[in-house]
Protein backbone atom coordinates (compact mmCIF):
# COMPACT_ATOMS: atom_id res chain seq x y z
CA MET A 1 119.12 108.02 181.16
CA ASN A 2 117.48 110.22 178.52
CA LYS A 3 117.41 108.78 175.01
CA ILE A 4 117.67 110.56 171.68
CA SER A 5 116.53 109.39 168.24
CA LEU A 6 119.98 108.75 166.88
CA SER A 7 121.79 105.86 165.17
CA ILE A 8 125.46 105.27 165.82
CA ILE A 9 127.42 103.75 162.94
CA VAL A 10 130.49 101.69 163.78
CA PRO A 11 132.56 100.21 160.90
CA ALA A 12 134.80 97.47 162.25
CA TYR A 13 137.59 95.46 160.65
CA ARG A 14 139.83 93.21 162.70
CA SER A 15 138.88 95.22 165.79
CA VAL A 16 138.45 92.42 168.29
CA ASN A 17 140.74 94.18 170.83
CA THR A 18 139.12 97.59 170.60
CA VAL A 19 135.43 97.38 169.61
CA SER A 20 134.27 96.65 173.18
CA ARG A 21 136.09 99.79 174.39
CA SER A 22 134.28 101.85 171.74
CA LEU A 23 130.89 100.43 172.60
CA ARG A 24 131.52 100.81 176.33
CA SER A 25 131.95 104.56 175.80
CA LEU A 26 128.28 104.68 174.70
CA VAL A 27 127.12 103.35 178.08
CA ASP A 28 128.68 106.38 179.82
CA GLN A 29 126.91 108.99 177.62
CA THR A 30 124.80 111.55 179.46
CA VAL A 31 122.10 110.94 176.80
CA ALA A 32 121.78 107.52 175.19
CA PRO A 33 121.41 106.80 171.49
CA SER A 34 118.50 104.71 170.30
CA GLU A 35 120.63 102.22 168.39
CA VAL A 36 124.15 101.31 167.46
CA ILE A 37 124.90 99.45 164.24
CA VAL A 38 128.24 97.61 164.06
CA VAL A 39 129.18 96.47 160.56
CA ASP A 40 131.88 93.78 160.70
CA ASP A 41 133.63 94.31 157.39
CA GLY A 42 134.87 90.75 156.80
CA SER A 43 136.97 90.37 159.94
CA ASP A 44 138.58 87.01 160.72
CA ASP A 45 139.49 87.68 164.35
CA GLY A 46 136.19 87.51 166.24
CA THR A 47 135.27 91.19 165.94
CA ALA A 48 131.53 90.46 165.48
CA GLU A 49 131.55 88.16 168.51
CA ALA A 50 133.27 90.80 170.63
CA ALA A 51 130.61 93.34 169.61
CA GLU A 52 127.80 90.90 170.40
CA ALA A 53 129.28 90.29 173.84
CA MET A 54 128.54 93.96 174.70
CA ARG A 55 124.79 93.57 174.29
CA ASP A 56 123.96 93.28 177.99
CA GLN A 57 126.17 96.20 178.93
CA LEU A 58 124.42 98.44 176.39
CA GLY A 59 121.10 97.96 178.15
CA ASP A 60 118.27 99.84 176.35
CA ILE A 61 120.53 100.81 173.44
CA ASN A 62 119.51 98.54 170.56
CA LEU A 63 122.61 96.77 169.19
CA ARG A 64 122.68 95.41 165.69
CA VAL A 65 125.71 93.54 164.41
CA ILE A 66 125.89 93.08 160.64
CA ARG A 67 128.48 91.01 158.83
CA GLN A 68 129.59 91.54 155.26
CA ILE A 69 132.52 90.54 153.06
CA HIS A 70 135.48 92.88 153.24
CA LYS A 71 134.67 96.01 151.18
CA GLY A 72 136.31 98.79 153.16
CA ALA A 73 135.23 101.34 155.74
CA GLY A 74 133.18 103.40 153.31
CA ALA A 75 131.10 100.41 152.25
CA ALA A 76 130.62 99.41 155.90
CA ARG A 77 129.36 102.90 156.78
CA ASN A 78 127.04 102.93 153.74
CA ARG A 79 125.56 99.59 154.78
CA ALA A 80 124.84 100.95 158.25
CA LEU A 81 123.33 104.13 156.81
CA LYS A 82 120.84 102.02 154.84
CA GLU A 83 119.90 100.13 158.00
CA ALA A 84 119.70 103.21 160.27
CA LYS A 85 116.21 104.02 161.53
CA PHE A 86 116.62 107.56 162.90
CA GLU A 87 117.04 111.14 161.68
CA TYR A 88 120.41 111.73 163.29
CA VAL A 89 123.47 109.57 162.76
CA ALA A 90 126.86 109.63 164.44
CA PHE A 91 130.06 107.90 163.33
CA LEU A 92 132.36 106.08 165.71
CA ASP A 93 135.31 104.03 164.48
CA ALA A 94 135.82 100.74 166.27
CA ASP A 95 139.17 101.82 167.73
CA ASP A 96 138.00 105.21 169.06
CA GLU A 97 135.93 106.21 172.09
CA TRP A 98 133.71 109.10 173.13
CA LEU A 99 133.78 111.16 176.31
CA PRO A 100 130.48 111.14 178.28
CA GLU A 101 129.03 114.49 177.10
CA LYS A 102 129.76 113.93 173.39
CA LEU A 103 126.24 113.11 172.18
CA GLU A 104 124.38 115.57 174.40
CA ARG A 105 126.64 118.47 173.45
CA SER A 106 126.59 117.54 169.74
CA ILE A 107 122.78 117.45 169.51
CA ILE A 108 122.51 120.79 171.37
CA GLU A 109 124.96 122.41 168.95
CA LEU A 110 123.35 120.83 165.91
CA GLU A 111 119.90 122.15 166.79
CA LYS A 112 121.04 125.49 168.21
CA ASN A 113 122.98 126.36 165.07
CA ASN A 114 120.38 124.81 162.74
CA CYS A 115 123.08 123.01 160.75
CA ILE A 116 123.39 119.64 159.03
CA LEU A 117 126.69 118.58 160.57
CA VAL A 118 128.68 119.15 163.74
CA SER A 119 132.02 117.85 165.00
CA HIS A 120 134.59 118.91 167.62
CA ASP A 121 138.16 118.64 168.87
CA TYR A 122 139.76 115.40 170.00
CA ILE A 123 142.47 113.80 172.06
CA ARG A 124 145.08 111.87 170.08
CA CYS A 125 146.13 108.69 171.91
CA GLU A 126 149.49 107.34 170.77
CA PRO A 127 150.37 103.61 170.95
CA ASP A 128 152.76 104.31 173.83
CA GLY A 129 149.92 105.72 175.94
CA THR A 130 150.73 109.41 175.38
CA GLU A 131 147.67 111.64 175.02
CA VAL A 132 147.77 114.93 173.13
CA LEU A 133 144.96 117.46 172.91
CA VAL A 134 144.25 118.46 169.26
CA PRO A 135 142.28 121.74 169.28
CA ASN A 136 142.89 122.50 165.60
CA CYS A 137 139.44 121.41 164.44
CA SER A 138 137.52 124.24 166.11
CA LYS A 139 140.39 126.72 165.62
CA ASN A 140 140.49 126.16 161.86
CA PHE A 141 136.73 126.40 161.60
CA ASN A 142 136.57 129.71 163.52
CA ARG A 143 139.25 131.57 161.59
CA ALA A 144 138.17 134.41 159.31
CA GLY A 145 136.93 133.56 155.84
CA ASP A 146 135.01 130.67 154.31
CA PRO A 147 135.27 127.56 156.53
CA TYR A 148 134.73 125.38 153.44
CA VAL A 149 137.92 126.69 151.86
CA ARG A 150 139.81 125.93 155.06
CA LEU A 151 138.25 122.45 155.14
CA TYR A 152 139.55 121.83 151.61
CA ARG A 153 143.00 123.02 152.65
CA GLN A 154 143.30 121.38 156.05
CA GLY A 155 140.69 118.65 156.43
CA TYR A 156 139.86 119.55 160.01
CA ILE A 157 136.67 117.44 160.53
CA ALA A 158 137.24 114.42 162.81
CA THR A 159 134.96 111.66 161.50
CA SER A 160 134.46 109.95 164.87
CA GLY A 161 133.30 113.36 166.13
CA VAL A 162 130.62 113.86 163.46
CA VAL A 163 126.90 113.98 164.21
CA THR A 164 124.80 114.75 161.16
CA ARG A 165 121.42 114.20 159.51
CA ARG A 166 121.04 110.89 157.75
CA ASN A 167 119.10 112.40 154.81
CA ALA A 168 121.91 114.90 154.17
CA VAL A 169 124.47 112.07 153.94
CA LEU A 170 122.28 110.07 151.56
CA ALA A 171 121.56 113.15 149.44
CA ALA A 172 125.30 113.60 148.95
CA GLY A 173 125.64 110.01 147.81
CA GLY A 174 127.09 108.53 150.97
CA PHE A 175 130.69 107.43 151.22
CA ASP A 176 132.50 106.96 147.92
CA GLU A 177 133.42 103.28 147.87
CA SER A 178 135.74 103.76 144.88
CA LEU A 179 138.18 105.61 147.16
CA PRO A 180 140.31 103.15 149.21
CA THR A 181 140.69 105.77 151.97
CA ALA A 182 139.72 109.37 152.82
CA GLN A 183 136.11 108.67 151.80
CA ASP A 184 135.01 110.66 154.84
CA PHE A 185 136.92 113.77 153.73
CA ALA A 186 135.35 113.51 150.27
CA LEU A 187 131.88 113.18 151.78
CA TRP A 188 132.19 116.30 153.95
CA LEU A 189 133.36 118.32 150.92
CA SER A 190 130.38 117.02 148.95
CA MET A 191 127.79 117.62 151.71
CA LEU A 192 129.00 121.15 152.44
CA SER A 193 129.73 122.29 148.88
CA LYS A 194 126.84 124.75 148.65
CA PRO A 195 127.61 128.09 150.36
CA GLU A 196 124.26 128.14 152.21
CA THR A 197 124.87 124.76 153.85
CA PRO A 198 125.57 125.39 157.58
CA PHE A 199 127.95 123.30 159.64
CA TYR A 200 129.66 123.88 162.96
CA ILE A 201 132.83 122.63 164.65
CA PHE A 202 132.74 123.43 168.34
CA SER A 203 135.56 123.51 170.89
CA GLY A 204 136.09 120.83 173.48
CA ALA A 205 137.73 117.42 173.09
CA LEU A 206 134.93 114.85 173.32
CA LEU A 207 136.70 112.07 171.45
CA ARG A 208 139.71 109.86 172.07
CA TYR A 209 141.23 109.05 168.72
CA HIS A 210 143.50 106.03 169.09
CA VAL A 211 146.43 105.72 166.69
CA THR A 212 146.84 102.05 165.81
CA SER A 213 149.28 100.25 163.55
CA GLY A 214 146.43 98.82 161.48
CA GLY A 215 144.42 102.03 161.26
CA ILE A 216 143.22 103.45 157.97
CA THR A 217 145.43 106.54 158.23
CA THR A 218 148.59 104.40 158.45
CA HIS A 219 148.37 103.48 154.78
CA THR A 220 150.55 106.38 153.81
CA GLU A 221 150.89 105.97 150.06
CA ARG A 222 147.26 105.10 149.53
CA ARG A 223 146.12 108.05 151.62
CA LEU A 224 148.39 110.41 149.65
CA ARG A 225 147.03 109.17 146.34
CA CYS A 226 143.37 109.40 147.39
CA THR A 227 143.71 112.83 148.98
CA LEU A 228 145.24 114.22 145.79
CA GLU A 229 142.34 112.78 143.79
CA ILE A 230 139.88 114.45 146.16
CA ALA A 231 141.69 117.75 145.80
CA ARG A 232 141.36 117.51 142.01
CA ARG A 233 137.72 116.41 142.18
CA TYR A 234 136.56 119.28 144.40
CA PHE A 235 138.68 122.03 142.86
CA PRO A 236 135.78 123.38 140.79
CA THR A 237 133.77 123.93 144.01
CA LEU A 238 136.78 125.52 145.63
CA LYS A 239 137.23 127.82 142.67
CA SER A 240 133.64 129.02 143.00
CA ARG A 241 134.14 129.87 146.66
CA SER A 242 137.70 131.19 146.85
CA ILE A 243 139.33 134.37 145.57
CA PHE A 244 142.68 132.60 145.32
CA PRO A 245 141.85 128.95 144.61
CA LEU A 246 145.35 128.09 143.40
CA VAL A 247 146.82 129.11 146.73
CA SER A 248 144.45 126.70 148.49
CA LEU A 249 145.17 123.95 145.98
CA TRP A 250 148.93 124.34 146.41
CA TYR A 251 148.58 124.51 150.18
CA ARG A 252 146.64 121.24 150.12
CA VAL A 253 149.11 119.46 147.85
CA VAL A 254 152.10 120.51 149.95
CA ALA A 255 150.31 119.64 153.18
CA VAL A 256 149.41 116.07 152.18
CA HIS A 257 152.95 115.46 150.90
CA TYR A 258 154.36 116.77 154.17
CA GLU A 259 152.01 114.49 156.08
CA ALA A 260 153.28 111.52 154.05
CA ILE A 261 156.92 112.51 154.60
CA ARG A 262 156.40 112.73 158.36
CA ALA A 263 154.69 109.36 158.40
CA TYR A 264 157.56 107.72 156.53
CA VAL A 265 160.16 109.36 158.78
CA THR A 266 158.28 108.13 161.84
CA GLN A 267 158.38 104.63 160.32
CA ARG A 268 162.11 105.14 159.60
CA ARG A 269 161.45 104.57 155.92
CA PHE A 270 163.77 107.33 154.80
CA GLY A 271 163.95 106.21 151.19
CA SER A 272 160.18 106.46 150.87
CA ALA A 273 160.27 109.89 152.53
CA LEU A 274 162.85 111.06 149.99
CA GLY A 275 160.70 109.70 147.17
CA VAL A 276 157.75 111.79 148.37
CA ILE A 277 159.97 114.91 148.60
CA LEU A 278 161.07 114.42 145.00
CA ARG A 279 157.51 113.82 143.79
CA THR A 280 156.04 116.89 145.50
CA PRO A 281 156.86 119.50 142.82
CA VAL A 282 155.94 117.08 140.04
CA ASN A 283 152.55 116.38 141.59
CA LEU A 284 152.06 120.09 142.23
CA VAL A 285 152.47 120.89 138.56
CA LYS A 286 150.43 117.87 137.38
CA LEU A 287 147.52 118.63 139.67
CA THR A 288 147.51 122.32 138.75
CA PHE A 289 147.23 121.49 135.06
CA ALA A 290 144.65 118.78 135.73
CA CYS A 291 142.43 121.15 137.72
CA TYR A 292 142.44 123.81 135.08
CA LEU A 293 141.89 121.31 132.28
CA ILE A 294 138.75 120.21 134.14
CA GLU A 295 137.54 123.79 134.15
CA ASP A 296 138.28 124.24 130.46
């Protein structure tokens, strides 16, 4: 198997039942990475041991398993970034898995388009075994207009699909550990904030994203709060790149509230869903004033 100079970063927390599946997907790649760094973020269920047990199956892929106290996914990714030895890095969550051509295709697109970051579409795997193709990543990127503005509005980069340059991530400050969730979304907005920064989201689902009850995106209220903070934080950049920045801001605010409402309804927490509905116009007004006070 051909090998590329690339480090794979796997943050893992209480992932004993899934981390071997994620690592096994590396064995099937048409080109092999040079190393994979698993950061066990304070798990108490044998996650690190499950990762270590994959060493023989990974063959020539150098496996490093690092343990740290529980600090969150952003801190785990940052630790792995400091340890990574190669120019390219790819992110793979410990409950996701890649299709065989993921790395080969990503590197080809990264170099062909001379960009600092690539990602792609994915397959959403529900807990009941249902699989749904999600082509919105590449579709949103390819629509007319500035793809950064659409990224702000719709957050279409799948983190477990990202291959990027390590130096570019470090130059942007890495993952913001002060954010309990959505640190990845904040990082992409930071890395790609300058208009001349090229990135590319290509079509083709090369990732299976597994929805799990303990996954980061299931923390509905926390995700809502953090995403609104990110919208406020990056509004000045949006304003410099958009003719109608308020439209994009309002779109983002409504979209994240709608996402929270849907999550609560799915959980049959109808009171919480109603609470989000009632807070939506209030947060819309508050964030609008906050964004323009920043500018003033």
